[in-house]
Amino acid sequence: MSNVSFNIDYLSPTGLIGFWVLFIGLIFTGVMFYFVFFRLDENEDSYKDKKRKKLEQENQKQRISRLYPKGKYF
């Protein structure tokens, strides 16, 4: 074992390593805050969700057309 010990002052907020840990932590926190709170308002549907909604709309049109048929008497 060597006589050189690790100086714990490097990990303090004023030390070199501590500053970078805080800096990267702030950037990471900002990015997570953006994705959690601001991206929730966007309504982007997936391909399967769009396909499902289109199929439901077509089924609804078919059910309505069965209730109100267009025959030769109308």
C-alpha atoms as a PDB file:
ATOM      1  CA  MET A   1       0.000   0.000   0.000  1.00  0.00           C
ATOM      2  CA  SER A   2       1.377   3.377  -0.894  1.00  0.00           C
ATOM      3  CA  ASN A   3       1.650   6.382   1.383  1.00  0.00           C
ATOM      4  CA  VAL A   4      -0.300   8.535  -1.062  1.00  0.00           C
ATOM      5  CA  SER A   5      -3.899   8.801   0.093  1.00  0.00           C
ATOM      6  CA  PHE A   6      -6.833  10.149  -1.841  1.00  0.00           C
ATOM      7  CA  ASN A   7      -7.598  13.722  -0.870  1.00  0.00           C
ATOM      8  CA  ILE A   8     -11.295  13.913  -0.019  1.00  0.00           C
ATOM      9  CA  ASP A   9     -11.341  17.648  -0.749  1.00  0.00           C
ATOM     10  CA  TYR A  10     -11.553  16.823  -4.454  1.00  0.00           C
ATOM     11  CA  LEU A  11     -15.135  15.649  -3.870  1.00  0.00           C
ATOM     12  CA  SER A  12     -16.289  18.877  -2.220  1.00  0.00           C
ATOM     13  CA  PRO A  13     -18.416  21.263  -4.330  1.00  0.00           C
ATOM     14  CA  THR A  14     -15.422  23.592  -4.688  1.00  0.00           C
ATOM     15  CA  GLY A  15     -13.127  20.730  -5.743  1.00  0.00           C
ATOM     16  CA  LEU A  16     -12.565  19.623  -9.304  1.00  0.00           C
ATOM     17  CA  ILE A  17     -14.439  16.315  -9.186  1.00  0.00           C
ATOM     18  CA  GLY A  18     -17.229  17.658  -6.974  1.00  0.00           C
ATOM     19  CA  PHE A  19     -17.877  20.554  -9.338  1.00  0.00           C
ATOM     20  CA  TRP A  20     -18.270  18.233 -12.323  1.00  0.00           C
ATOM     21  CA  VAL A  21     -20.513  15.855 -10.393  1.00  0.00           C
ATOM     22  CA  LEU A  22     -22.784  18.769  -9.454  1.00  0.00           C
ATOM     23  CA  PHE A  23     -22.722  20.168 -12.980  1.00  0.00           C
ATOM     24  CA  ILE A  24     -23.637  16.851 -14.614  1.00  0.00           C
ATOM     25  CA  GLY A  25     -26.304  16.289 -11.944  1.00  0.00           C
ATOM     26  CA  LEU A  26     -27.924  19.648 -12.697  1.00  0.00           C
ATOM     27  CA  ILE A  27     -27.974  18.931 -16.430  1.00  0.00           C
ATOM     28  CA  PHE A  28     -29.450  15.464 -15.834  1.00  0.00           C
ATOM     29  CA  THR A  29     -32.095  16.905 -13.486  1.00  0.00           C
ATOM     30  CA  GLY A  30     -33.056  19.547 -16.053  1.00  0.00           C
ATOM     31  CA  VAL A  31     -33.429  16.970 -18.813  1.00  0.00           C
ATOM     32  CA  MET A  32     -35.551  14.696 -16.623  1.00  0.00           C
ATOM     33  CA  PHE A  33     -37.706  17.664 -15.562  1.00  0.00           C
ATOM     34  CA  TYR A  34     -38.303  18.480 -19.239  1.00  0.00           C
ATOM     35  CA  PHE A  35     -39.265  14.927 -20.196  1.00  0.00           C
ATOM     36  CA  VAL A  36     -41.507  14.384 -17.170  1.00  0.00           C
ATOM     37  CA  PHE A  37     -43.402  17.671 -17.006  1.00  0.00           C
ATOM     38  CA  PHE A  38     -43.290  19.322 -20.430  1.00  0.00           C
ATOM     39  CA  ARG A  39     -43.541  16.314 -22.717  1.00  0.00           C
ATOM     40  CA  LEU A  40     -46.710  15.062 -20.987  1.00  0.00           C
ATOM     41  CA  ASP A  41     -48.800  17.708 -22.754  1.00  0.00           C
ATOM     42  CA  GLU A  42     -47.936  16.405 -26.195  1.00  0.00           C
ATOM     43  CA  ASN A  43     -50.524  14.039 -27.613  1.00  0.00           C
ATOM     44  CA  GLU A  44     -48.608  11.851 -29.995  1.00  0.00           C
ATOM     45  CA  ASP A  45     -50.369   8.587 -30.758  1.00  0.00           C
ATOM     46  CA  SER A  46     -48.514   5.487 -31.813  1.00  0.00           C
ATOM     47  CA  TYR A  47     -49.139   3.753 -35.132  1.00  0.00           C
ATOM     48  CA  LYS A  48     -51.263   1.061 -33.464  1.00  0.00           C
ATOM     49  CA  ASP A  49     -53.296   3.684 -31.598  1.00  0.00           C
ATOM     50  CA  LYS A  50     -54.004   5.606 -34.824  1.00  0.00           C
ATOM     51  CA  LYS A  51     -55.006   2.360 -36.533  1.00  0.00           C
ATOM     52  CA  ARG A  52     -57.293   1.415 -33.629  1.00  0.00           C
ATOM     53  CA  LYS A  53     -59.009   4.832 -33.660  1.00  0.00           C
ATOM     54  CA  LYS A  54     -59.551   4.636 -37.421  1.00  0.00           C
ATOM     55  CA  LEU A  55     -61.053   1.144 -37.089  1.00  0.00           C
ATOM     56  CA  GLU A  56     -63.368   2.320 -34.298  1.00  0.00           C
ATOM     57  CA  GLN A  57     -64.511   5.242 -36.433  1.00  0.00           C
ATOM     58  CA  GLU A  58     -65.287   2.933 -39.374  1.00  0.00           C
ATOM     59  CA  ASN A  59     -67.222   0.569 -37.078  1.00  0.00           C
ATOM     60  CA  GLN A  60     -69.194   3.500 -35.727  1.00  0.00           C
ATOM     61  CA  LYS A  61     -70.105   4.602 -39.259  1.00  0.00           C
ATOM     62  CA  GLN A  62     -71.278   1.060 -40.064  1.00  0.00           C
ATOM     63  CA  ARG A  63     -73.458   0.908 -36.941  1.00  0.00           C
ATOM     64  CA  ILE A  64     -74.992   4.286 -37.732  1.00  0.00           C
ATOM     65  CA  SER A  65     -75.688   3.212 -41.325  1.00  0.00           C
ATOM     66  CA  ARG A  66     -77.495   0.102 -40.029  1.00  0.00           C
ATOM     67  CA  LEU A  67     -79.690   2.242 -37.782  1.00  0.00           C
ATOM     68  CA  TYR A  68     -80.566   4.666 -40.566  1.00  0.00           C
ATOM     69  CA  PRO A  69     -80.521   2.724 -43.852  1.00  0.00           C
ATOM     70  CA  LYS A  70     -80.847   4.514 -47.169  1.00  0.00           C
ATOM     71  CA  GLY A  71     -83.412   2.484 -49.015  1.00  0.00           C
ATOM     72  CA  LYS A  72     -85.488   3.054 -52.126  1.00  0.00           C
ATOM     73  CA  TYR A  73     -88.338   4.424 -49.982  1.00  0.00           C
ATOM     74  CA  PHE A  74     -86.388   7.339 -48.590  1.00  0.00           C
END
